[in-house]
N, C-alpha and C. Protein backbone atom coordinates (compact mmCIF):
# COMPACT_ATOMS: atom_id res chain seq x y z
N MET A 1 52.86 -36.22 -52.18
CA MET A 1 51.55 -36.06 -52.70
C MET A 1 50.93 -34.87 -52.00
N THR A 2 50.32 -34.10 -52.78
CA THR A 2 49.76 -32.87 -52.25
C THR A 2 48.31 -33.06 -51.90
N GLN A 3 47.81 -32.05 -51.23
CA GLN A 3 46.38 -32.06 -50.83
C GLN A 3 45.49 -32.08 -52.07
N ARG A 4 45.93 -31.37 -53.08
CA ARG A 4 45.11 -31.30 -54.30
C ARG A 4 45.03 -32.66 -54.97
N ASP A 5 46.06 -33.40 -55.05
CA ASP A 5 46.05 -34.74 -55.66
C ASP A 5 45.14 -35.68 -54.86
N THR A 6 45.15 -35.55 -53.58
CA THR A 6 44.30 -36.38 -52.73
C THR A 6 42.84 -36.06 -52.99
N ASN A 7 42.50 -34.80 -53.11
CA ASN A 7 41.11 -34.38 -53.38
C ASN A 7 40.65 -34.87 -54.77
N LEU A 8 41.53 -34.77 -55.77
CA LEU A 8 41.17 -35.21 -57.12
C LEU A 8 40.93 -36.71 -57.16
N ARG A 9 41.73 -37.46 -56.44
CA ARG A 9 41.52 -38.90 -56.41
C ARG A 9 40.20 -39.24 -55.71
N GLY A 10 39.85 -38.52 -54.67
CA GLY A 10 38.58 -38.76 -53.97
C GLY A 10 37.38 -38.40 -54.84
N ILE A 11 37.52 -37.27 -55.54
CA ILE A 11 36.42 -36.85 -56.43
C ILE A 11 36.27 -37.83 -57.58
N SER A 12 37.36 -38.33 -58.12
CA SER A 12 37.26 -39.29 -59.24
C SER A 12 36.61 -40.59 -58.77
N ARG A 13 36.88 -41.03 -57.53
CA ARG A 13 36.21 -42.23 -57.00
C ARG A 13 34.71 -41.98 -56.83
N GLU A 14 34.33 -40.78 -56.37
CA GLU A 14 32.91 -40.46 -56.20
C GLU A 14 32.20 -40.44 -57.56
N TRP A 15 32.88 -39.86 -58.59
CA TRP A 15 32.29 -39.83 -59.92
C TRP A 15 32.17 -41.25 -60.47
N LEU A 16 33.11 -42.09 -60.25
CA LEU A 16 33.05 -43.47 -60.70
C LEU A 16 31.88 -44.19 -60.03
N ALA A 17 31.73 -43.98 -58.73
CA ALA A 17 30.62 -44.62 -58.00
C ALA A 17 29.28 -44.09 -58.51
N ALA A 18 29.20 -42.78 -58.78
CA ALA A 18 27.95 -42.20 -59.28
C ALA A 18 27.60 -42.76 -60.66
N ARG A 19 28.64 -42.90 -61.53
CA ARG A 19 28.37 -43.45 -62.85
C ARG A 19 27.93 -44.91 -62.76
N ILE A 20 28.51 -45.68 -61.86
CA ILE A 20 28.14 -47.08 -61.70
C ILE A 20 26.69 -47.19 -61.21
N VAL A 21 26.34 -46.36 -60.23
CA VAL A 21 24.97 -46.38 -59.70
C VAL A 21 23.97 -45.96 -60.77
N LEU A 22 24.30 -44.88 -61.51
CA LEU A 22 23.41 -44.39 -62.56
C LEU A 22 23.27 -45.41 -63.68
N LEU A 23 24.37 -45.96 -64.13
CA LEU A 23 24.32 -46.97 -65.19
C LEU A 23 23.60 -48.23 -64.72
N GLY A 24 23.85 -48.65 -63.50
CA GLY A 24 23.16 -49.83 -62.95
C GLY A 24 21.66 -49.59 -62.84
N GLY A 25 21.24 -48.39 -62.45
CA GLY A 25 19.82 -48.06 -62.37
C GLY A 25 19.14 -48.13 -63.73
N PHE A 26 19.85 -47.60 -64.76
CA PHE A 26 19.29 -47.68 -66.11
C PHE A 26 19.17 -49.12 -66.58
N VAL A 27 20.17 -49.93 -66.28
CA VAL A 27 20.14 -51.34 -66.69
C VAL A 27 18.97 -52.05 -66.01
N ILE A 28 18.75 -51.79 -64.73
CA ILE A 28 17.64 -52.42 -64.01
C ILE A 28 16.30 -51.94 -64.57
N ALA A 29 16.18 -50.63 -64.84
CA ALA A 29 14.93 -50.10 -65.39
C ALA A 29 14.63 -50.70 -66.76
N ILE A 30 15.64 -50.83 -67.60
CA ILE A 30 15.45 -51.42 -68.92
C ILE A 30 15.06 -52.89 -68.80
N ALA A 31 15.67 -53.60 -67.86
CA ALA A 31 15.34 -55.02 -67.68
C ALA A 31 13.90 -55.19 -67.21
N VAL A 32 13.44 -54.34 -66.30
CA VAL A 32 12.05 -54.43 -65.83
C VAL A 32 11.08 -54.10 -66.95
N ALA A 33 11.37 -53.04 -67.72
CA ALA A 33 10.51 -52.67 -68.84
C ALA A 33 10.46 -53.80 -69.88
N ALA A 34 11.60 -54.42 -70.16
CA ALA A 34 11.64 -55.50 -71.13
C ALA A 34 10.84 -56.70 -70.62
N TYR A 35 10.92 -56.97 -69.33
CA TYR A 35 10.17 -58.09 -68.76
C TYR A 35 8.67 -57.90 -68.96
N PHE A 36 8.17 -56.71 -68.67
CA PHE A 36 6.72 -56.48 -68.77
C PHE A 36 6.23 -56.36 -70.22
N THR A 37 7.08 -55.92 -71.13
CA THR A 37 6.64 -55.78 -72.52
C THR A 37 6.87 -57.04 -73.35
N LEU A 38 7.87 -57.81 -73.01
CA LEU A 38 8.21 -58.97 -73.83
C LEU A 38 7.76 -60.29 -73.25
N ARG A 39 7.17 -60.29 -72.08
CA ARG A 39 6.73 -61.56 -71.50
C ARG A 39 5.57 -62.11 -72.32
N PRO A 40 5.42 -63.42 -72.38
CA PRO A 40 4.33 -64.01 -73.17
C PRO A 40 2.98 -63.68 -72.54
N ALA A 41 2.00 -63.46 -73.40
CA ALA A 41 0.65 -63.16 -72.93
C ALA A 41 0.05 -64.40 -72.28
N PRO A 42 -0.81 -64.21 -71.27
CA PRO A 42 -1.44 -65.38 -70.65
C PRO A 42 -2.31 -66.11 -71.67
N VAL A 43 -2.29 -67.42 -71.58
CA VAL A 43 -3.04 -68.24 -72.52
C VAL A 43 -4.50 -68.29 -72.07
N VAL A 44 -5.38 -67.84 -72.94
CA VAL A 44 -6.82 -67.89 -72.67
C VAL A 44 -7.40 -69.02 -73.51
N GLN A 45 -8.02 -69.97 -72.82
CA GLN A 45 -8.60 -71.08 -73.55
C GLN A 45 -9.92 -70.63 -74.16
N GLN A 46 -9.99 -70.73 -75.46
CA GLN A 46 -11.19 -70.33 -76.17
C GLN A 46 -11.99 -71.58 -76.51
N GLN A 47 -13.30 -71.43 -76.40
CA GLN A 47 -14.18 -72.54 -76.76
C GLN A 47 -14.36 -72.55 -78.26
N PRO A 48 -14.53 -73.70 -78.82
CA PRO A 48 -14.80 -73.75 -80.25
C PRO A 48 -16.08 -72.99 -80.58
N ALA A 49 -16.12 -72.43 -81.77
CA ALA A 49 -17.27 -71.63 -82.19
C ALA A 49 -18.56 -72.45 -82.18
N ALA A 50 -18.48 -73.72 -82.52
CA ALA A 50 -19.68 -74.56 -82.56
C ALA A 50 -20.27 -74.70 -81.16
N GLN A 51 -19.43 -74.86 -80.15
CA GLN A 51 -19.93 -75.00 -78.79
C GLN A 51 -20.57 -73.70 -78.33
N THR A 52 -19.99 -72.57 -78.66
CA THR A 52 -20.57 -71.28 -78.30
C THR A 52 -21.93 -71.09 -78.96
N GLU A 53 -22.05 -71.49 -80.22
CA GLU A 53 -23.32 -71.39 -80.92
C GLU A 53 -24.35 -72.32 -80.28
N ASP A 54 -23.92 -73.50 -79.86
CA ASP A 54 -24.83 -74.42 -79.19
C ASP A 54 -25.34 -73.82 -77.89
N GLN A 55 -24.45 -73.19 -77.14
CA GLN A 55 -24.86 -72.56 -75.89
C GLN A 55 -25.85 -71.43 -76.16
N ALA A 56 -25.61 -70.65 -77.21
CA ALA A 56 -26.53 -69.57 -77.56
C ALA A 56 -27.89 -70.13 -77.95
N ALA A 57 -27.88 -71.24 -78.68
CA ALA A 57 -29.15 -71.86 -79.07
C ALA A 57 -29.90 -72.40 -77.86
N VAL A 58 -29.17 -72.97 -76.91
CA VAL A 58 -29.80 -73.49 -75.69
C VAL A 58 -30.41 -72.35 -74.89
N LEU A 59 -29.67 -71.25 -74.76
CA LEU A 59 -30.21 -70.10 -74.02
C LEU A 59 -31.44 -69.52 -74.71
N ALA A 60 -31.41 -69.44 -76.04
CA ALA A 60 -32.56 -68.92 -76.78
C ALA A 60 -33.77 -69.83 -76.60
N ARG A 61 -33.52 -71.14 -76.61
CA ARG A 61 -34.62 -72.10 -76.42
C ARG A 61 -35.20 -71.98 -75.01
N LYS A 62 -34.34 -71.83 -74.01
CA LYS A 62 -34.82 -71.68 -72.63
C LYS A 62 -35.64 -70.40 -72.47
N GLU A 63 -35.21 -69.34 -73.09
CA GLU A 63 -35.94 -68.07 -73.02
C GLU A 63 -37.30 -68.20 -73.70
N ALA A 64 -37.34 -68.87 -74.84
CA ALA A 64 -38.61 -69.07 -75.54
C ALA A 64 -39.55 -69.94 -74.71
N ASN A 65 -39.01 -70.97 -74.05
CA ASN A 65 -39.85 -71.83 -73.21
C ASN A 65 -40.40 -71.06 -72.01
N ALA A 66 -39.59 -70.19 -71.43
CA ALA A 66 -40.06 -69.40 -70.29
C ALA A 66 -41.18 -68.45 -70.72
N LYS A 67 -41.03 -67.83 -71.88
CA LYS A 67 -42.08 -66.94 -72.38
C LYS A 67 -43.36 -67.72 -72.66
N ALA A 68 -43.21 -68.92 -73.22
CA ALA A 68 -44.38 -69.75 -73.50
C ALA A 68 -45.07 -70.15 -72.19
N ALA A 69 -44.29 -70.47 -71.17
CA ALA A 69 -44.88 -70.85 -69.88
C ALA A 69 -45.65 -69.69 -69.27
N ILE A 70 -45.11 -68.49 -69.38
CA ILE A 70 -45.81 -67.31 -68.87
C ILE A 70 -47.10 -67.10 -69.65
N MET A 71 -47.06 -67.33 -70.95
CA MET A 71 -48.26 -67.17 -71.78
C MET A 71 -49.34 -68.19 -71.40
N VAL A 72 -48.93 -69.40 -71.03
CA VAL A 72 -49.90 -70.41 -70.61
C VAL A 72 -50.66 -69.91 -69.39
N CYS A 73 -49.95 -69.41 -68.40
CA CYS A 73 -50.61 -68.91 -67.19
C CYS A 73 -51.50 -67.70 -67.50
N ALA A 74 -51.02 -66.82 -68.37
CA ALA A 74 -51.82 -65.65 -68.72
C ALA A 74 -53.11 -66.06 -69.43
N MET A 75 -53.02 -67.04 -70.32
CA MET A 75 -54.22 -67.50 -71.02
C MET A 75 -55.17 -68.24 -70.09
N GLU A 76 -54.63 -69.01 -69.15
CA GLU A 76 -55.49 -69.69 -68.17
C GLU A 76 -56.28 -68.66 -67.37
N LEU A 77 -55.60 -67.64 -66.90
CA LEU A 77 -56.29 -66.61 -66.12
C LEU A 77 -57.31 -65.86 -66.97
N LEU A 78 -56.96 -65.54 -68.20
CA LEU A 78 -57.88 -64.84 -69.09
C LEU A 78 -59.13 -65.68 -69.34
N ASN A 79 -58.96 -66.97 -69.60
CA ASN A 79 -60.12 -67.84 -69.82
C ASN A 79 -60.98 -67.95 -68.56
N ALA A 80 -60.34 -68.02 -67.39
CA ALA A 80 -61.11 -68.10 -66.14
C ALA A 80 -61.87 -66.80 -65.89
N LYS A 81 -61.28 -65.68 -66.24
CA LYS A 81 -61.98 -64.39 -66.09
C LYS A 81 -63.14 -64.30 -67.08
N ASN A 82 -62.91 -64.72 -68.33
CA ASN A 82 -63.95 -64.63 -69.36
C ASN A 82 -65.15 -65.51 -69.05
N THR A 83 -64.93 -66.62 -68.36
CA THR A 83 -66.06 -67.48 -68.01
C THR A 83 -66.71 -67.04 -66.69
N GLY A 84 -66.13 -66.06 -66.02
CA GLY A 84 -66.74 -65.54 -64.80
C GLY A 84 -66.38 -66.29 -63.53
N ILE A 85 -65.41 -67.16 -63.60
CA ILE A 85 -65.02 -67.95 -62.42
C ILE A 85 -64.13 -67.12 -61.50
N VAL A 86 -63.16 -66.45 -62.09
CA VAL A 86 -62.24 -65.59 -61.34
C VAL A 86 -62.67 -64.15 -61.58
N PRO A 87 -62.71 -63.32 -60.54
CA PRO A 87 -63.10 -61.92 -60.74
C PRO A 87 -62.17 -61.20 -61.71
N SER A 88 -62.67 -60.17 -62.32
CA SER A 88 -61.90 -59.45 -63.33
C SER A 88 -60.66 -58.77 -62.76
N TYR A 89 -60.62 -58.56 -61.47
CA TYR A 89 -59.44 -57.94 -60.86
C TYR A 89 -58.43 -58.97 -60.35
N GLY A 90 -58.66 -60.24 -60.66
CA GLY A 90 -57.72 -61.30 -60.28
C GLY A 90 -56.42 -61.17 -61.04
N GLN A 91 -55.34 -61.53 -60.39
CA GLN A 91 -54.01 -61.44 -61.01
C GLN A 91 -53.25 -62.73 -60.76
N LEU A 92 -52.23 -62.95 -61.60
CA LEU A 92 -51.39 -64.13 -61.42
C LEU A 92 -50.54 -63.97 -60.16
N ALA A 93 -50.54 -64.98 -59.33
CA ALA A 93 -49.68 -64.98 -58.14
C ALA A 93 -48.33 -65.59 -58.46
N SER A 94 -48.30 -66.46 -59.47
CA SER A 94 -47.06 -67.09 -59.92
C SER A 94 -47.06 -67.05 -61.43
N MET A 95 -45.97 -66.59 -62.01
CA MET A 95 -45.91 -66.46 -63.47
C MET A 95 -45.68 -67.78 -64.19
N LEU A 96 -45.09 -68.75 -63.51
CA LEU A 96 -44.76 -70.01 -64.17
C LEU A 96 -45.73 -71.11 -63.75
N PRO A 97 -46.16 -71.92 -64.70
CA PRO A 97 -47.10 -73.00 -64.37
C PRO A 97 -46.39 -74.17 -63.70
N ARG A 98 -47.20 -74.97 -63.03
CA ARG A 98 -46.70 -76.21 -62.44
C ARG A 98 -47.24 -77.37 -63.27
N LYS A 99 -46.46 -78.42 -63.38
CA LYS A 99 -46.93 -79.61 -64.08
C LYS A 99 -47.89 -80.36 -63.18
N THR A 100 -48.82 -81.04 -63.80
CA THR A 100 -49.76 -81.88 -63.06
C THR A 100 -49.50 -83.33 -63.45
N ALA A 101 -50.29 -84.22 -62.88
CA ALA A 101 -50.11 -85.65 -63.17
C ALA A 101 -50.53 -85.99 -64.60
N THR A 102 -51.38 -85.18 -65.20
CA THR A 102 -51.86 -85.44 -66.55
C THR A 102 -50.95 -84.73 -67.55
N ARG A 103 -50.54 -85.46 -68.58
CA ARG A 103 -49.67 -84.89 -69.61
C ARG A 103 -50.40 -83.79 -70.38
N GLY A 104 -49.74 -82.65 -70.55
CA GLY A 104 -50.33 -81.54 -71.29
C GLY A 104 -51.22 -80.64 -70.44
N ARG A 105 -51.32 -80.93 -69.16
CA ARG A 105 -52.15 -80.12 -68.27
C ARG A 105 -51.22 -79.38 -67.31
N TYR A 106 -51.48 -78.10 -67.15
CA TYR A 106 -50.64 -77.26 -66.31
C TYR A 106 -51.51 -76.48 -65.34
N ALA A 107 -50.98 -76.23 -64.16
CA ALA A 107 -51.70 -75.50 -63.12
C ALA A 107 -50.98 -74.18 -62.84
N CYS A 108 -51.77 -73.12 -62.75
CA CYS A 108 -51.24 -71.81 -62.43
C CYS A 108 -51.99 -71.28 -61.21
N ILE A 109 -51.33 -70.41 -60.48
CA ILE A 109 -51.94 -69.84 -59.28
C ILE A 109 -52.24 -68.37 -59.55
N ALA A 110 -53.50 -68.02 -59.30
CA ALA A 110 -53.95 -66.64 -59.43
C ALA A 110 -54.57 -66.25 -58.10
N GLY A 111 -54.84 -64.98 -57.94
CA GLY A 111 -55.43 -64.59 -56.68
C GLY A 111 -56.00 -63.19 -56.70
N THR A 112 -56.75 -62.93 -55.66
CA THR A 112 -57.29 -61.60 -55.37
C THR A 112 -56.90 -61.29 -53.92
N ASN A 113 -57.41 -60.20 -53.40
CA ASN A 113 -57.15 -59.88 -52.00
C ASN A 113 -57.83 -60.86 -51.07
N VAL A 114 -58.88 -61.52 -51.56
CA VAL A 114 -59.69 -62.40 -50.72
C VAL A 114 -59.20 -63.84 -50.74
N THR A 115 -58.89 -64.37 -51.91
CA THR A 115 -58.53 -65.79 -52.00
C THR A 115 -57.55 -66.05 -53.13
N ARG A 116 -57.06 -67.26 -53.15
CA ARG A 116 -56.17 -67.73 -54.21
C ARG A 116 -56.91 -68.79 -55.01
N TYR A 117 -56.57 -68.88 -56.29
CA TYR A 117 -57.19 -69.85 -57.19
C TYR A 117 -56.11 -70.70 -57.82
N VAL A 118 -56.39 -71.99 -57.94
CA VAL A 118 -55.53 -72.90 -58.68
C VAL A 118 -56.29 -73.23 -59.96
N ILE A 119 -55.73 -72.76 -61.07
CA ILE A 119 -56.39 -72.92 -62.37
C ILE A 119 -55.61 -73.97 -63.15
N GLU A 120 -56.30 -75.05 -63.53
CA GLU A 120 -55.69 -76.09 -64.34
C GLU A 120 -56.29 -76.03 -65.74
N ALA A 121 -55.42 -76.17 -66.73
CA ALA A 121 -55.87 -76.12 -68.11
C ALA A 121 -55.04 -77.07 -68.95
N ASP A 122 -55.64 -77.49 -70.06
CA ASP A 122 -54.98 -78.38 -71.00
C ASP A 122 -54.53 -77.58 -72.22
N LEU A 123 -53.34 -77.91 -72.72
CA LEU A 123 -52.89 -77.32 -73.98
C LEU A 123 -53.41 -78.19 -75.11
N VAL A 124 -54.25 -77.63 -75.96
CA VAL A 124 -54.83 -78.41 -77.05
C VAL A 124 -54.19 -78.08 -78.39
N CYS A 125 -53.42 -77.01 -78.47
CA CYS A 125 -52.66 -76.68 -79.68
C CYS A 125 -51.45 -75.85 -79.28
N ARG A 126 -50.63 -75.49 -80.25
CA ARG A 126 -49.38 -74.80 -79.94
C ARG A 126 -49.45 -73.28 -80.05
N ASN A 127 -50.50 -72.73 -80.57
CA ASN A 127 -50.62 -71.29 -80.72
C ASN A 127 -51.13 -70.69 -79.41
N LEU A 128 -50.23 -70.23 -78.59
CA LEU A 128 -50.61 -69.72 -77.27
C LEU A 128 -51.28 -68.36 -77.33
N LEU A 129 -51.26 -67.71 -78.48
CA LEU A 129 -51.94 -66.43 -78.61
C LEU A 129 -53.44 -66.61 -78.82
N ASP A 130 -53.85 -67.82 -79.15
CA ASP A 130 -55.27 -68.13 -79.33
C ASP A 130 -55.80 -68.71 -78.02
N SER A 131 -56.78 -68.06 -77.43
CA SER A 131 -57.29 -68.50 -76.13
C SER A 131 -57.94 -69.88 -76.19
N ARG A 132 -58.33 -70.33 -77.38
CA ARG A 132 -58.94 -71.66 -77.50
C ARG A 132 -57.92 -72.78 -77.37
N CYS A 133 -56.63 -72.45 -77.47
CA CYS A 133 -55.58 -73.47 -77.34
C CYS A 133 -55.32 -73.84 -75.89
N VAL A 134 -55.81 -73.04 -74.97
CA VAL A 134 -55.66 -73.33 -73.54
C VAL A 134 -57.07 -73.57 -73.00
N ALA A 135 -57.44 -74.82 -72.86
CA ALA A 135 -58.79 -75.19 -72.44
C ALA A 135 -58.83 -75.42 -70.93
N LEU A 136 -59.68 -74.67 -70.24
CA LEU A 136 -59.80 -74.82 -68.79
C LEU A 136 -60.24 -76.23 -68.44
N HIS A 137 -59.60 -76.81 -67.44
CA HIS A 137 -60.01 -78.12 -66.95
C HIS A 137 -60.77 -77.95 -65.64
N ASP A 138 -60.15 -77.28 -64.68
CA ASP A 138 -60.86 -76.98 -63.44
C ASP A 138 -60.24 -75.78 -62.75
N VAL A 139 -61.04 -75.18 -61.86
CA VAL A 139 -60.59 -74.06 -61.06
C VAL A 139 -60.99 -74.36 -59.62
N LYS A 140 -60.00 -74.27 -58.73
CA LYS A 140 -60.23 -74.54 -57.32
C LYS A 140 -59.73 -73.35 -56.51
N THR A 141 -60.29 -73.17 -55.33
CA THR A 141 -59.75 -72.19 -54.41
C THR A 141 -58.56 -72.81 -53.69
N SER A 142 -57.84 -72.02 -52.96
CA SER A 142 -56.65 -72.53 -52.27
C SER A 142 -57.00 -73.57 -51.20
N ASP A 143 -58.24 -73.55 -50.70
CA ASP A 143 -58.62 -74.55 -49.70
C ASP A 143 -59.16 -75.83 -50.35
N GLY A 144 -59.19 -75.91 -51.68
CA GLY A 144 -59.60 -77.12 -52.38
C GLY A 144 -61.03 -77.12 -52.87
N THR A 145 -61.79 -76.05 -52.63
CA THR A 145 -63.18 -75.98 -53.09
C THR A 145 -63.20 -75.89 -54.61
N LEU A 146 -63.91 -76.79 -55.25
CA LEU A 146 -64.00 -76.82 -56.70
C LEU A 146 -65.01 -75.78 -57.18
N LEU A 147 -64.56 -74.82 -57.98
CA LEU A 147 -65.44 -73.77 -58.51
C LEU A 147 -65.90 -74.10 -59.92
N TYR A 148 -65.09 -74.80 -60.69
CA TYR A 148 -65.41 -75.12 -62.07
C TYR A 148 -64.72 -76.41 -62.44
N GLN A 149 -65.42 -77.24 -63.20
CA GLN A 149 -64.80 -78.41 -63.79
C GLN A 149 -65.39 -78.59 -65.18
N ARG A 150 -64.52 -78.80 -66.14
CA ARG A 150 -64.98 -78.95 -67.53
C ARG A 150 -65.83 -80.22 -67.61
N PRO A 151 -66.94 -80.14 -68.32
CA PRO A 151 -67.80 -81.32 -68.47
C PRO A 151 -67.06 -82.44 -69.20
N GLN A 152 -67.25 -83.66 -68.75
CA GLN A 152 -66.60 -84.83 -69.37
C GLN A 152 -67.38 -85.21 -70.62
N ASN A 153 -66.67 -85.58 -71.66
CA ASN A 153 -67.33 -85.98 -72.93
C ASN A 153 -67.85 -87.36 -72.86
């Protein structure tokens, strides 16, 4: 056997190893690509449409109630200003009313730089844009001093 035959056999083994490595690399790359493209999509649980609509209706109702509550406090303050009990520069300290012991009566807190006012009013109708629907019951300062009380019938 000559030197040339020995070199050719060595080169043919190197080419065989290179082809095996190259072919194996392609097989692995194709397998990885197939795994990521053909794997099943994750299952996302969808809520029934009726439940989603119910949630939307509940959120809309809550938003409407919050706006109505803010309107109650705004009307209470406006009525107190119009009767001269709270100064014209008075502002709401809390946007949402508090419930009182009497059904349909709500208390809001307003204030100036000098003092705070607790304004209680009764809802007499549902149209909150009409100032007559929010009837003042009483107005007190934060220390409990009674400034106004609606006359009893």
